[in-house]
Amino acid sequence: MTPTIELSKALIEKASVTPEDAGCTELLIARLEPLGFKCEVMQFGDVTNLWARRGESGPVFAFAGHTDVVPSGPLEQWQTPPFEPSIKDGMLIGRGAADMKGSIAAMVCACERLLAQKQPNGSLAFLITSDEEGSAINGTRKVVDALEARGEKIDYCIVGEPSSTDSLGDVIKIGRRGSLHGRLTVHGIQGHVAYPHLAQNPIHEALSALDALATEQWDEGNDSFPPTSFQISNIHAGSGTENVIPGDLEVVFNLRFSTAITQAQIQQRAEAILNKHGLNYTLNWALSGNPFLTDKGKLIDIATQSVESIAKTKPELSTTGGTSDGRFIAPTGTQLIELGPCNATIHKVNEQVSVDDLNLLSAVYEDIIDKLMC
């Protein structure tokens, strides 16, 4: 068993359900300090963050990731206990195997192998949080703010999120769409269904407006992003009683948006649609993150070369998928990509990753550091 797989198993054994770190950071510090990394634990609220840096000069190349995982789900549906990693048919099974303890192990072991032979020009770093799967308030966002406040800049960053689809390295994420949440309450007047003239049904009032929001063409996208998508995720009204017209209708929706439109423009247009339909409403907005893009640069070129030469795959450069902590790092001017294992089983029962893929991923990471920093 390779050091990458051994470390992956050791991390999976720690039941670090978000925002718990469960000792993962201590384990990583024990591996990084002997390599010359200065390890700084940044505790914000109940979130444990690690900033580890080796070197004083630039450029700074950082690996970013998270030790927290989503809950295991029904234990009886797992082939083996979720926090007792096992290997079957070449697959490492356990919660966090793909998302993303395997990537973290691959990163650490890549540094161990490289530093045994070479000295980088510049600094290597790790930014690890236990708050990516949760609210993401006291994690990477706070660490980046702290680094910015003291003038520490990350020049290049690889986030180890599981980006691959069918084979290792077939997709490299070079950006992500923005994510804007809306919580709409349409106010009506409660009443008896037999006396609708004494009530005002917020469901009826809202239907045409919701249809207009759902069919609105927010933008056409651009060369790097698809058009903005509007999706309603939840609708609720009433208490389930069949003879009462509800007083309020609650609608939860989300927009995944491109760089072709801004948060302010979306909000203005959405509220204009609601006003046009004469609704009495309350609307609260929450921004998870703006879109970001690394459309060119040394990191993308080298990562593409490394994947092609080691994984024997020609990667697609993509901005699809959900959000990641890259949304907090990229706006500081960092060249950032996401490169990790296959994502077919993330957040699922029996989460698993190919043992061969993790070893190959570690080799790709090592080659990228070598080409970029040595």
Protein backbone atom coordinates (compact mmCIF):
# COMPACT_ATOMS: atom_id res chain seq x y z
CA MET A 1 0.00 0.00 0.00
CA THR A 2 1.41 3.38 -1.01
CA PRO A 3 1.84 6.31 1.40
CA THR A 4 -0.98 8.12 -0.43
CA ILE A 5 -3.46 5.33 0.28
CA GLU A 6 -2.24 4.91 3.86
CA LEU A 7 -2.74 8.62 4.58
CA SER A 8 -6.12 8.60 2.83
CA LYS A 9 -7.27 5.79 5.11
CA ALA A 10 -5.94 7.53 8.21
CA LEU A 11 -7.90 10.67 7.32
CA ILE A 12 -11.10 8.76 6.50
CA GLU A 13 -10.94 7.06 9.90
CA LYS A 14 -11.53 10.44 11.53
CA ALA A 15 -15.27 11.13 11.60
CA SER A 16 -14.98 14.79 10.65
CA VAL A 17 -18.62 15.55 9.82
CA THR A 18 -18.84 19.26 9.08
CA PRO A 19 -17.73 21.45 10.80
CA GLU A 20 -15.75 18.96 12.90
CA ASP A 21 -12.09 18.45 12.08
CA ALA A 22 -11.83 15.43 14.40
CA GLY A 23 -8.04 15.51 14.52
CA CYS A 24 -7.37 15.64 10.77
CA THR A 25 -5.39 18.86 11.12
CA GLU A 26 -3.14 17.34 13.80
CA LEU A 27 -2.43 14.45 11.46
CA LEU A 28 -1.55 16.80 8.59
CA ILE A 29 0.68 18.95 10.78
CA ALA A 30 2.58 15.84 11.84
CA ARG A 31 3.32 15.16 8.17
CA LEU A 32 4.03 18.73 7.06
CA GLU A 33 6.22 20.09 9.85
CA PRO A 34 9.06 17.58 9.20
CA LEU A 35 9.09 18.86 5.60
CA GLY A 36 9.79 22.41 6.78
CA PHE A 37 6.25 23.79 6.70
CA LYS A 38 5.38 26.41 9.30
CA CYS A 39 1.92 25.36 10.41
CA GLU A 40 -0.57 27.90 11.72
CA VAL A 41 -3.93 26.76 13.07
CA MET A 42 -6.57 29.44 12.56
CA GLN A 43 -9.62 28.82 14.71
CA PHE A 44 -12.73 30.80 13.81
CA GLY A 45 -15.78 29.84 15.85
CA ASP A 46 -16.16 26.07 15.74
CA VAL A 47 -14.10 25.76 12.56
CA THR A 48 -10.49 24.55 12.46
CA ASN A 49 -8.38 25.92 9.61
CA LEU A 50 -4.77 25.24 8.71
CA TRP A 51 -2.40 27.56 6.89
CA ALA A 52 0.91 25.79 6.34
CA ARG A 53 3.69 27.48 4.41
CA ARG A 54 7.20 26.39 3.48
CA GLY A 55 9.37 29.26 2.32
CA GLU A 56 9.42 33.02 2.74
CA SER A 57 9.63 34.27 -0.84
CA GLY A 58 7.29 34.20 -3.79
CA PRO A 59 5.76 32.93 -5.87
CA VAL A 60 3.42 31.05 -3.52
CA PHE A 61 1.88 27.81 -4.75
CA ALA A 62 -0.90 26.48 -2.50
CA PHE A 63 -2.98 23.35 -2.32
CA ALA A 64 -6.47 24.01 -0.95
CA GLY A 65 -8.96 21.54 0.44
CA HIS A 66 -11.25 20.55 3.28
CA THR A 67 -11.19 17.88 5.96
CA ASP A 68 -14.91 18.04 6.72
CA VAL A 69 -17.35 15.63 5.12
CA VAL A 70 -21.12 15.35 4.77
CA PRO A 71 -23.01 12.99 7.12
CA SER A 72 -22.78 9.31 6.29
CA GLY A 73 -26.48 8.71 5.72
CA PRO A 74 -28.11 5.34 6.56
CA LEU A 75 -25.37 3.16 8.03
CA GLU A 76 -27.13 -0.04 7.01
CA GLN A 77 -26.75 0.92 3.34
CA TRP A 78 -22.95 1.04 3.50
CA GLN A 79 -20.95 -2.00 2.40
CA THR A 80 -18.59 -1.29 5.30
CA PRO A 81 -18.80 1.33 8.08
CA PRO A 82 -18.26 4.79 6.53
CA PHE A 83 -15.39 5.73 8.84
CA GLU A 84 -13.67 2.34 8.64
CA PRO A 85 -12.05 2.59 5.20
CA SER A 86 -11.77 -0.57 3.16
CA ILE A 87 -10.44 -1.52 -0.25
CA LYS A 88 -12.53 -3.74 -2.50
CA ASP A 89 -11.92 -4.42 -6.19
CA GLY A 90 -9.37 -1.64 -6.35
CA MET A 91 -11.69 0.96 -4.82
CA LEU A 92 -11.10 2.76 -1.53
CA ILE A 93 -14.47 3.02 0.22
CA GLY A 94 -15.31 5.48 2.98
CA ARG A 95 -16.90 8.85 3.64
CA GLY A 96 -14.55 11.48 2.22
CA ALA A 97 -12.61 9.10 0.00
CA ALA A 98 -13.35 11.21 -3.08
CA ASP A 99 -14.51 14.44 -1.44
CA MET A 100 -11.82 15.13 -0.53
CA LYS A 101 -9.54 13.32 1.88
CA GLY A 102 -8.01 11.30 -0.93
CA SER A 103 -6.96 14.50 -2.70
CA ILE A 104 -5.42 15.91 0.49
CA ALA A 105 -3.40 12.73 0.96
CA ALA A 106 -2.27 12.92 -2.67
CA MET A 107 -1.15 16.53 -2.14
CA VAL A 108 0.84 15.81 1.01
CA CYS A 109 2.56 12.76 -0.45
CA ALA A 110 3.39 14.66 -3.64
CA CYS A 111 5.20 17.25 -1.54
CA GLU A 112 6.99 14.57 0.46
CA ARG A 113 8.39 12.94 -2.66
CA LEU A 114 9.35 16.18 -4.38
CA LEU A 115 11.02 17.78 -1.34
CA ALA A 116 13.14 14.67 -0.83
CA GLN A 117 14.84 15.52 -4.13
CA LYS A 118 14.39 19.21 -4.96
CA GLN A 119 14.07 22.68 -3.49
CA PRO A 120 11.28 24.81 -4.99
CA ASN A 121 11.83 28.36 -6.14
CA GLY A 122 9.37 30.20 -3.93
CA SER A 123 6.95 28.87 -1.32
CA LEU A 124 4.67 25.85 -1.04
CA ALA A 125 1.53 26.10 1.07
CA PHE A 126 -1.60 24.31 2.23
CA LEU A 127 -4.93 25.98 3.01
CA ILE A 128 -7.14 23.39 4.67
CA THR A 129 -10.51 24.02 6.32
CA SER A 130 -13.19 22.04 8.17
CA ASP A 131 -16.02 24.27 6.90
CA GLU A 132 -16.53 23.63 3.20
CA GLU A 133 -19.48 21.28 3.34
CA GLY A 134 -21.32 23.50 5.84
CA SER A 135 -21.99 27.21 5.98
CA ALA A 136 -18.51 28.13 4.66
CA ILE A 137 -18.48 31.25 6.83
CA ASN A 138 -15.59 30.55 9.20
CA GLY A 139 -13.46 28.53 6.83
CA THR A 140 -11.49 29.46 3.72
CA ARG A 141 -13.24 32.82 3.51
CA LYS A 142 -11.85 33.88 6.91
CA VAL A 143 -8.37 32.48 6.22
CA VAL A 144 -8.12 34.39 2.94
CA ASP A 145 -9.24 37.57 4.71
CA ALA A 146 -6.53 37.06 7.34
CA LEU A 147 -3.85 36.43 4.71
CA GLU A 148 -4.90 39.48 2.73
CA ALA A 149 -4.81 41.64 5.88
CA ARG A 150 -1.15 40.79 6.43
CA GLY A 151 -0.16 40.98 2.80
CA GLU A 152 0.26 37.27 2.03
CA LYS A 153 -0.70 36.46 -1.54
CA ILE A 154 -1.31 33.10 -3.18
CA ASP A 155 -0.05 33.18 -6.76
CA TYR A 156 -1.10 29.68 -7.84
CA CYS A 157 -3.64 27.35 -6.26
CA ILE A 158 -4.97 23.86 -6.91
CA VAL A 159 -8.22 22.95 -5.15
CA GLY A 160 -8.49 19.20 -4.82
CA GLU A 161 -12.24 18.97 -5.38
CA PRO A 162 -13.31 15.85 -7.31
CA SER A 163 -13.42 17.40 -10.77
CA SER A 164 -13.03 14.33 -12.97
CA THR A 165 -15.99 12.65 -14.65
CA ASP A 166 -15.07 9.33 -16.26
CA SER A 167 -11.30 9.12 -15.86
CA LEU A 168 -8.72 10.97 -13.80
CA GLY A 169 -7.98 14.39 -15.21
CA ASP A 170 -10.58 14.35 -17.98
CA VAL A 171 -11.92 17.63 -16.56
CA ILE A 172 -10.03 20.54 -15.03
CA LYS A 173 -12.22 23.23 -13.53
CA ILE A 174 -10.93 26.68 -14.42
CA GLY A 175 -13.79 28.57 -12.79
CA ARG A 176 -17.25 28.27 -11.33
CA ARG A 177 -20.58 29.96 -11.77
CA GLY A 178 -21.86 32.34 -9.12
CA SER A 179 -24.62 31.18 -6.80
CA LEU A 180 -27.40 33.53 -5.65
CA HIS A 181 -30.21 32.31 -3.40
CA GLY A 182 -33.63 33.94 -3.09
CA ARG A 183 -36.25 33.37 -0.40
CA LEU A 184 -39.55 34.85 -1.55
CA THR A 185 -42.68 35.21 0.59
CA VAL A 186 -45.81 36.23 -1.28
CA HIS A 187 -48.38 37.68 1.12
CA GLY A 188 -52.11 37.03 0.69
CA ILE A 189 -55.12 36.90 2.96
CA GLN A 190 -56.07 33.66 4.67
CA GLY A 191 -59.63 32.46 4.39
CA HIS A 192 -62.10 29.64 3.80
CA VAL A 193 -61.99 28.06 0.35
CA ALA A 194 -65.79 28.39 0.16
CA TYR A 195 -65.54 32.17 0.50
CA PRO A 196 -62.70 33.16 -1.84
CA HIS A 197 -64.06 36.73 -2.13
CA LEU A 198 -63.07 37.23 1.52
CA ALA A 199 -59.52 35.99 0.97
CA GLN A 200 -56.57 36.53 -1.37
CA ASN A 201 -54.83 33.37 -2.50
CA PRO A 202 -51.04 33.98 -2.69
CA ILE A 203 -50.56 30.82 -4.75
CA HIS A 204 -52.84 32.07 -7.49
CA GLU A 205 -51.28 35.52 -7.28
CA ALA A 206 -47.75 34.18 -7.66
CA LEU A 207 -48.11 31.62 -10.46
CA SER A 208 -47.71 33.96 -13.43
CA ALA A 209 -44.80 35.77 -11.78
CA LEU A 210 -43.00 32.51 -11.01
CA ASP A 211 -43.52 31.38 -14.59
CA ALA A 212 -42.02 34.65 -15.79
CA LEU A 213 -38.97 34.18 -13.55
CA ALA A 214 -38.54 30.58 -14.70
CA THR A 215 -38.74 31.45 -18.40
CA GLU A 216 -36.68 34.65 -18.25
CA GLN A 217 -33.51 34.59 -20.37
CA TRP A 218 -31.09 36.22 -17.97
CA ASP A 219 -28.16 36.20 -20.39
CA GLU A 220 -26.67 34.16 -23.21
CA GLY A 221 -23.57 33.08 -21.30
CA ASN A 222 -20.18 33.50 -22.94
CA ASP A 223 -17.21 31.48 -24.18
CA SER A 224 -16.47 30.19 -20.67
CA PHE A 225 -19.92 29.92 -19.08
CA PRO A 226 -23.36 28.61 -20.04
CA PRO A 227 -26.38 30.93 -19.72
CA THR A 228 -27.57 31.76 -16.23
CA SER A 229 -29.95 29.16 -14.77
CA PHE A 230 -32.96 29.88 -12.52
CA GLN A 231 -34.32 26.96 -10.48
CA ILE A 232 -37.06 26.80 -7.85
CA SER A 233 -36.02 24.34 -5.15
CA ASN A 234 -38.94 24.55 -2.73
CA ILE A 235 -42.51 25.87 -2.55
CA HIS A 236 -44.63 25.82 0.57
CA ALA A 237 -47.99 27.26 1.52
CA GLY A 238 -50.65 26.43 4.09
CA SER A 239 -50.70 23.81 6.81
CA GLY A 240 -52.06 20.93 4.76
CA THR A 241 -55.68 21.63 5.60
CA GLU A 242 -57.70 21.29 2.43
CA ASN A 243 -60.35 23.92 3.14
CA VAL A 244 -58.12 26.89 4.06
CA ILE A 245 -56.68 29.41 1.62
CA PRO A 246 -53.16 30.09 2.89
CA GLY A 247 -52.07 33.51 4.00
CA ASP A 248 -48.53 33.25 2.62
CA LEU A 249 -46.63 31.37 -0.05
CA GLU A 250 -42.93 30.70 0.46
CA VAL A 251 -40.67 30.06 -2.53
CA VAL A 252 -36.98 29.19 -2.39
CA PHE A 253 -34.99 29.56 -5.59
CA ASN A 254 -31.42 29.74 -6.84
CA LEU A 255 -29.62 31.29 -9.79
CA ARG A 256 -26.31 29.92 -11.03
CA PHE A 257 -24.95 32.85 -12.98
CA SER A 258 -22.11 33.61 -15.32
CA THR A 259 -19.74 36.53 -15.71
CA ALA A 260 -22.18 37.88 -18.33
CA ILE A 261 -24.40 39.29 -15.57
CA THR A 262 -23.95 40.69 -12.06
CA GLN A 263 -25.69 39.97 -8.79
CA ALA A 264 -27.16 43.48 -8.77
CA GLN A 265 -28.58 43.09 -12.27
CA ILE A 266 -30.22 39.78 -11.35
CA GLN A 267 -31.81 41.22 -8.25
CA GLN A 268 -33.10 44.30 -10.06
CA ARG A 269 -34.63 42.28 -12.88
CA ALA A 270 -36.20 39.69 -10.58
CA GLU A 271 -37.80 42.36 -8.42
CA ALA A 272 -39.02 44.20 -11.53
CA ILE A 273 -40.81 41.01 -12.64
CA LEU A 274 -42.44 40.58 -9.24
CA ASN A 275 -43.50 44.24 -9.17
CA LYS A 276 -44.90 44.02 -12.69
CA HIS A 277 -47.25 41.26 -11.51
CA GLY A 278 -48.45 43.37 -8.60
CA LEU A 279 -47.40 41.04 -5.83
CA ASN A 280 -47.27 41.91 -2.16
CA TYR A 281 -44.04 40.19 -1.23
CA THR A 282 -40.91 40.02 0.87
CA LEU A 283 -37.71 38.89 -0.82
CA ASN A 284 -34.43 38.10 0.90
CA TRP A 285 -31.25 37.46 -1.07
CA ALA A 286 -28.12 35.51 -0.07
CA LEU A 287 -24.98 35.33 -2.21
CA SER A 288 -22.92 32.15 -1.86
CA GLY A 289 -20.28 33.41 -4.25
CA ASN A 290 -19.65 35.36 -7.42
CA PRO A 291 -18.45 33.61 -10.57
CA PHE A 292 -14.71 33.31 -11.02
CA LEU A 293 -12.51 32.33 -13.93
CA THR A 294 -8.86 31.57 -14.62
CA ASP A 295 -9.00 31.76 -18.39
CA LYS A 296 -5.28 31.65 -19.13
CA GLY A 297 -1.91 31.45 -17.47
CA LYS A 298 1.02 29.29 -16.53
CA LEU A 299 -0.90 27.07 -14.10
CA ILE A 300 -3.49 25.93 -16.63
CA ASP A 301 -0.83 25.24 -19.24
CA ILE A 302 1.33 23.19 -16.89
CA ALA A 303 -1.59 21.29 -15.33
CA THR A 304 -2.81 20.35 -18.82
CA GLN A 305 0.67 19.12 -19.76
CA SER A 306 0.98 17.08 -16.55
CA VAL A 307 -2.39 15.40 -16.96
CA GLU A 308 -1.65 14.58 -20.59
CA SER A 309 1.80 13.14 -19.87
CA ILE A 310 1.04 11.23 -16.65
CA ALA A 311 -2.67 10.39 -16.72
CA LYS A 312 -2.66 10.01 -20.52
CA THR A 313 -5.83 12.08 -20.75
CA LYS A 314 -6.58 15.28 -22.63
CA PRO A 315 -8.49 17.39 -20.10
CA GLU A 316 -11.55 19.48 -20.83
CA LEU A 317 -11.35 22.95 -19.30
CA SER A 318 -14.72 23.53 -17.65
CA THR A 319 -16.69 25.86 -15.37
CA THR A 320 -19.64 23.52 -14.74
CA GLY A 321 -20.83 22.16 -11.41
CA GLY A 322 -21.54 23.72 -8.05
CA THR A 323 -19.54 26.15 -5.99
CA SER A 324 -16.25 25.51 -4.23
CA ASP A 325 -13.96 27.36 -1.86
CA GLY A 326 -12.13 28.56 -4.94
CA ARG A 327 -14.69 31.40 -4.95
CA PHE A 328 -12.92 32.91 -1.94
CA ILE A 329 -9.36 32.51 -3.25
CA ALA A 330 -9.60 33.39 -6.94
CA PRO A 331 -10.84 37.00 -6.44
CA THR A 332 -7.52 37.90 -4.77
CA GLY A 333 -5.82 37.52 -8.16
CA THR A 334 -4.78 33.88 -7.79
CA GLN A 335 -4.44 31.61 -10.82
CA LEU A 336 -6.69 28.80 -9.58
CA ILE A 337 -7.85 25.46 -10.91
CA GLU A 338 -9.69 22.47 -9.46
CA LEU A 339 -8.20 19.08 -10.17
CA GLY A 340 -9.16 15.92 -8.33
CA PRO A 341 -10.54 12.38 -8.68
CA CYS A 342 -13.81 11.19 -10.20
CA ASN A 343 -16.96 12.58 -8.62
CA ALA A 344 -19.49 9.82 -9.38
CA THR A 345 -20.04 8.80 -5.73
CA ILE A 346 -19.49 12.02 -3.78
CA HIS A 347 -22.09 12.69 -1.06
CA LYS A 348 -23.50 9.21 -1.66
CA VAL A 349 -23.67 6.05 0.41
CA ASN A 350 -20.59 3.90 -0.32
CA GLU A 351 -18.52 6.86 -1.48
CA GLN A 352 -15.42 5.48 -3.15
CA VAL A 353 -12.43 6.30 -5.28
CA SER A 354 -10.04 4.27 -7.37
CA VAL A 355 -6.80 3.44 -5.57
CA ASP A 356 -4.92 3.70 -8.85
CA ASP A 357 -6.47 7.12 -9.51
CA LEU A 358 -5.32 8.49 -6.15
CA ASN A 359 -1.76 7.32 -6.76
CA LEU A 360 -1.89 8.78 -10.26
CA LEU A 361 -3.33 12.04 -8.92
CA SER A 362 -0.44 12.37 -6.48
CA ALA A 363 2.01 11.89 -9.35
CA VAL A 364 0.20 14.58 -11.37
CA TYR A 365 0.37 16.98 -8.41
CA GLU A 366 4.10 16.30 -8.00
CA ASP A 367 4.74 16.95 -11.69
CA ILE A 368 2.81 20.22 -11.58
CA ILE A 369 4.84 21.46 -8.58
CA ASP A 370 8.06 20.38 -10.31
CA LYS A 371 7.28 22.15 -13.58
CA LEU A 372 5.84 25.27 -11.91
CA MET A 373 8.20 25.78 -8.99
CA CYS A 374 11.41 23.86 -9.65
